[in-house]
Amino acid sequence: MFIKSTNVKKRKKGMGFEEIKISKGFSGKNKRVKNDFYPTPTNAIIPILEYIENQNVWECACGDGAISSVLVNAGFNVISTDLNDYGYGKVGVDFLSQKSKLANTIVTNPPYNLINDFIEKANKLDIDEFLYLLPLDKLNGKARTFLMQKSGLYALYSFRGRLKFCGGKSPMMFHCWYHFKRGYVGDIKFKFIDTDDGNIKLF
């Protein structure tokens, strides 16, 4: 289905129509990046470092090392793997096919078309805590909300502004870190994250 947007008329000079559709959040089978590879910006990672309880972390969809490098610089021991080769970590490792866990904590930005699979796999591997960077609207859907609750959804750290993926462009959706703790059954905590570089605050 094609979505009409009044924002198209505001395109920058020299910008192709395909670029406009990507930057404005249009849908379509040719608009997604292959393998859902969207490197995570640094200012999306720094605010949640204090909430990672275990020093040993598994980045199971590490891509080009955007998340892993920040974690390493912050003093974490990081195991970085990915199914595909983006020049970082151990490649050819399919998280969804893993028989055993490589660490008790996972921090990653998973492919959005495999969100439920990544949540279910973390459960099957008995991961103690995992933090997934996902669009905020992934809370929609009755089945997924039950899955998240059953998986120990502990907290949501929501960005006040849009993160910049895809060569500096901001997608239409807002993002949030979903923090899961194995066995957690209490109320879900909610906090805002300020995305301003050098002025990141949690409230």
Protein backbone atom coordinates (compact mmCIF):
# COMPACT_ATOMS: atom_id res chain seq x y z
CA MET A 1 0.00 0.00 0.00
CA PHE A 2 1.33 3.45 -0.92
CA ILE A 3 1.09 6.15 1.74
CA LYS A 4 0.59 9.69 0.55
CA SER A 5 2.41 12.39 2.48
CA THR A 6 2.16 16.16 2.25
CA ASN A 7 5.82 16.32 3.32
CA VAL A 8 6.98 15.25 -0.14
CA LYS A 9 6.66 18.76 -1.53
CA LYS A 10 9.26 19.93 1.03
CA ARG A 11 12.04 17.78 -0.41
CA LYS A 12 15.52 19.17 -0.66
CA LYS A 13 16.89 20.23 -4.00
CA GLY A 14 18.61 17.38 -5.80
CA MET A 15 17.06 14.71 -3.61
CA GLY A 16 15.72 11.70 -5.52
CA PHE A 17 12.20 10.39 -4.98
CA GLU A 18 13.47 7.12 -3.45
CA GLU A 19 15.53 9.11 -0.92
CA ILE A 20 12.47 11.17 -0.02
CA LYS A 21 10.41 8.08 0.66
CA ILE A 22 13.08 6.59 2.92
CA SER A 23 13.65 9.76 4.92
CA LYS A 24 9.94 10.42 5.37
CA GLY A 25 9.08 6.89 6.47
CA PHE A 26 7.24 5.66 3.38
CA SER A 27 6.45 1.98 3.17
CA GLY A 28 7.14 -0.38 0.31
CA LYS A 29 8.98 -3.59 -0.49
CA ASN A 30 12.09 -1.86 -1.85
CA LYS A 31 12.49 0.77 0.85
CA ARG A 32 14.06 -1.25 3.68
CA VAL A 33 17.79 -1.71 4.01
CA LYS A 34 18.98 -5.27 3.39
CA ASN A 35 18.85 -7.43 6.54
CA ASP A 36 17.33 -4.48 8.43
CA PHE A 37 20.85 -3.13 9.01
CA TYR A 38 20.53 0.27 10.67
CA PRO A 39 23.66 1.12 12.76
CA THR A 40 22.79 2.45 16.19
CA PRO A 41 23.85 6.05 16.94
CA THR A 42 26.12 6.54 19.96
CA ASN A 43 23.69 8.84 21.76
CA ALA A 44 21.17 6.00 21.78
CA ILE A 45 23.50 3.76 23.80
CA ILE A 46 25.18 5.98 26.40
CA PRO A 47 22.01 6.70 28.46
CA ILE A 48 21.31 3.05 29.23
CA LEU A 49 24.81 1.99 30.31
CA GLU A 50 24.02 2.46 34.00
CA TYR A 51 21.08 0.07 33.74
CA ILE A 52 23.15 -2.88 32.50
CA GLU A 53 23.73 -4.97 35.61
CA ASN A 54 26.20 -7.56 34.30
CA GLN A 55 29.68 -6.65 33.03
CA ASN A 56 29.63 -9.55 30.55
CA VAL A 57 27.44 -8.66 27.58
CA TRP A 58 26.53 -10.44 24.37
CA GLU A 59 25.80 -8.26 21.34
CA CYS A 60 24.13 -10.91 19.19
CA ALA A 61 23.36 -8.71 16.15
CA CYS A 62 26.47 -6.55 16.34
CA GLY A 63 26.52 -5.23 12.75
CA ASP A 64 29.44 -2.83 12.38
CA GLY A 65 30.07 -2.70 16.13
CA ALA A 66 28.13 0.48 16.87
CA ILE A 67 26.79 -0.81 20.19
CA SER A 68 29.71 -3.08 21.04
CA SER A 69 32.34 -0.36 20.71
CA VAL A 70 30.48 1.92 23.14
CA LEU A 71 30.09 -0.93 25.63
CA VAL A 72 33.78 -1.85 25.37
CA ASN A 73 34.83 1.76 25.89
CA ALA A 74 32.61 1.85 28.97
CA GLY A 75 34.44 -1.13 30.47
CA PHE A 76 32.11 -4.01 29.61
CA ASN A 77 33.34 -7.39 28.46
CA VAL A 78 31.54 -7.83 25.14
CA ILE A 79 31.05 -10.87 22.93
CA SER A 80 30.04 -9.60 19.48
CA THR A 81 28.41 -11.89 16.92
CA ASP A 82 26.30 -11.51 13.80
CA LEU A 83 24.84 -13.71 11.12
CA ASN A 84 26.10 -11.32 8.43
CA ASP A 85 29.52 -9.77 7.85
CA TYR A 86 29.66 -6.02 8.48
CA GLY A 87 33.33 -5.99 9.41
CA TYR A 88 33.01 -6.50 13.16
CA GLY A 89 32.78 -9.39 15.61
CA LYS A 90 32.40 -13.08 14.88
CA VAL A 91 30.29 -13.60 11.75
CA GLY A 92 28.13 -16.50 10.65
CA VAL A 93 26.55 -16.82 14.10
CA ASP A 94 22.78 -17.08 13.86
CA PHE A 95 21.37 -16.00 17.21
CA LEU A 96 18.07 -17.74 16.53
CA SER A 97 19.88 -21.06 16.04
CA GLN A 98 22.09 -20.86 19.13
CA LYS A 99 21.91 -23.83 21.49
CA SER A 100 23.56 -22.08 24.43
CA LYS A 101 24.05 -18.51 25.63
CA LEU A 102 27.36 -16.70 25.32
CA ALA A 103 26.61 -14.31 28.21
CA ASN A 104 23.82 -13.69 30.70
CA THR A 105 23.07 -10.20 29.36
CA ILE A 106 22.19 -9.13 25.81
CA VAL A 107 22.20 -5.58 24.47
CA THR A 108 21.28 -5.22 20.81
CA ASN A 109 19.28 -3.50 18.09
CA PRO A 110 17.56 -6.54 16.54
CA PRO A 111 16.06 -6.79 13.06
CA TYR A 112 12.55 -5.39 13.40
CA ASN A 113 11.02 -8.17 11.32
CA LEU A 114 12.31 -10.69 13.88
CA ILE A 115 11.37 -8.97 17.14
CA ASN A 116 9.18 -11.74 18.53
CA ASP A 117 11.74 -14.37 17.52
CA PHE A 118 14.54 -12.49 19.32
CA ILE A 119 12.44 -12.16 22.47
CA GLU A 120 11.45 -15.82 22.45
CA LYS A 121 15.05 -16.93 21.82
CA ALA A 122 16.34 -14.92 24.76
CA ASN A 123 13.72 -16.66 26.90
CA LYS A 124 14.72 -20.12 25.66
CA LEU A 125 18.39 -19.40 26.39
CA ASP A 126 17.50 -18.26 29.93
CA ILE A 127 19.13 -14.87 29.44
CA ASP A 128 19.06 -13.01 32.79
CA GLU A 129 18.45 -9.59 31.23
CA PHE A 130 18.24 -8.24 27.71
CA LEU A 131 17.84 -4.75 26.33
CA TYR A 132 16.45 -4.36 22.82
CA LEU A 133 16.30 -1.08 20.93
CA LEU A 134 12.93 -1.04 19.14
CA PRO A 135 10.35 1.39 17.79
CA LEU A 136 8.02 2.53 20.55
CA ASP A 137 4.98 1.42 18.55
CA LYS A 138 6.10 -2.21 18.82
CA LEU A 139 4.09 -2.19 22.02
CA ASN A 140 1.09 -2.46 19.71
CA GLY A 141 -0.41 -5.87 19.15
CA LYS A 142 -2.13 -7.97 21.77
CA ALA A 143 -0.02 -11.09 21.21
CA ARG A 144 3.27 -9.19 21.46
CA THR A 145 2.26 -7.38 24.66
CA PHE A 146 1.50 -10.71 26.31
CA LEU A 147 4.84 -12.07 25.03
CA MET A 148 6.70 -9.08 26.46
CA GLN A 149 4.94 -9.31 29.79
CA LYS A 150 5.62 -13.03 30.01
CA SER A 151 9.27 -12.35 29.14
CA GLY A 152 9.77 -10.07 32.14
CA LEU A 153 9.46 -6.60 30.62
CA TYR A 154 10.97 -4.49 33.40
CA ALA A 155 11.39 -0.98 31.98
CA LEU A 156 10.98 1.23 28.92
CA TYR A 157 13.52 3.98 28.25
CA SER A 158 11.91 6.18 25.63
CA PHE A 159 13.71 8.82 23.54
CA ARG A 160 12.20 12.30 23.52
CA GLY A 161 13.33 12.91 19.94
CA ARG A 162 13.85 10.71 16.91
CA LEU A 163 17.12 8.82 16.56
CA LYS A 164 19.16 9.36 13.40
CA PHE A 165 19.68 6.20 11.38
CA CYS A 166 20.26 5.80 7.62
CA GLY A 167 23.03 8.30 6.96
CA GLY A 168 21.85 10.92 9.43
CA LYS A 169 18.13 10.85 8.56
CA SER A 170 15.50 10.51 11.29
CA PRO A 171 12.78 7.90 10.64
CA MET A 172 9.15 8.70 11.31
CA MET A 173 8.92 6.38 14.30
CA PHE A 174 10.18 7.04 17.83
CA HIS A 175 12.42 4.51 19.55
CA CYS A 176 12.72 3.01 22.97
CA TRP A 177 14.95 0.59 24.88
CA TYR A 178 12.93 -2.37 26.10
CA HIS A 179 14.57 -3.79 29.24
CA PHE A 180 13.68 -7.38 30.13
CA LYS A 181 14.63 -9.25 33.32
CA ARG A 182 14.07 -12.98 33.59
CA GLY A 183 11.29 -13.76 36.06
CA TYR A 184 10.23 -10.15 36.60
CA VAL A 185 6.46 -9.81 37.20
CA GLY A 186 6.04 -6.30 38.68
CA ASP A 187 4.92 -2.99 37.23
CA ILE A 188 6.75 -1.75 34.14
CA LYS A 189 8.92 1.31 34.76
CA PHE A 190 8.98 4.15 32.23
CA LYS A 191 11.65 6.82 31.77
CA PHE A 192 12.39 9.44 29.11
CA ILE A 193 15.81 9.78 27.48
CA ASP A 194 17.07 13.08 26.11
CA THR A 195 18.90 12.46 22.81
CA ASP A 196 20.90 15.71 22.75
CA ASP A 197 24.59 14.85 22.33
CA GLY A 198 26.65 15.92 25.34
CA ASN A 199 23.52 16.70 27.33
CA ILE A 200 21.93 13.32 27.91
CA LYS A 201 19.72 13.13 30.97
CA LEU A 202 17.37 10.55 32.41
CA PHE A 203 14.34 11.74 34.34
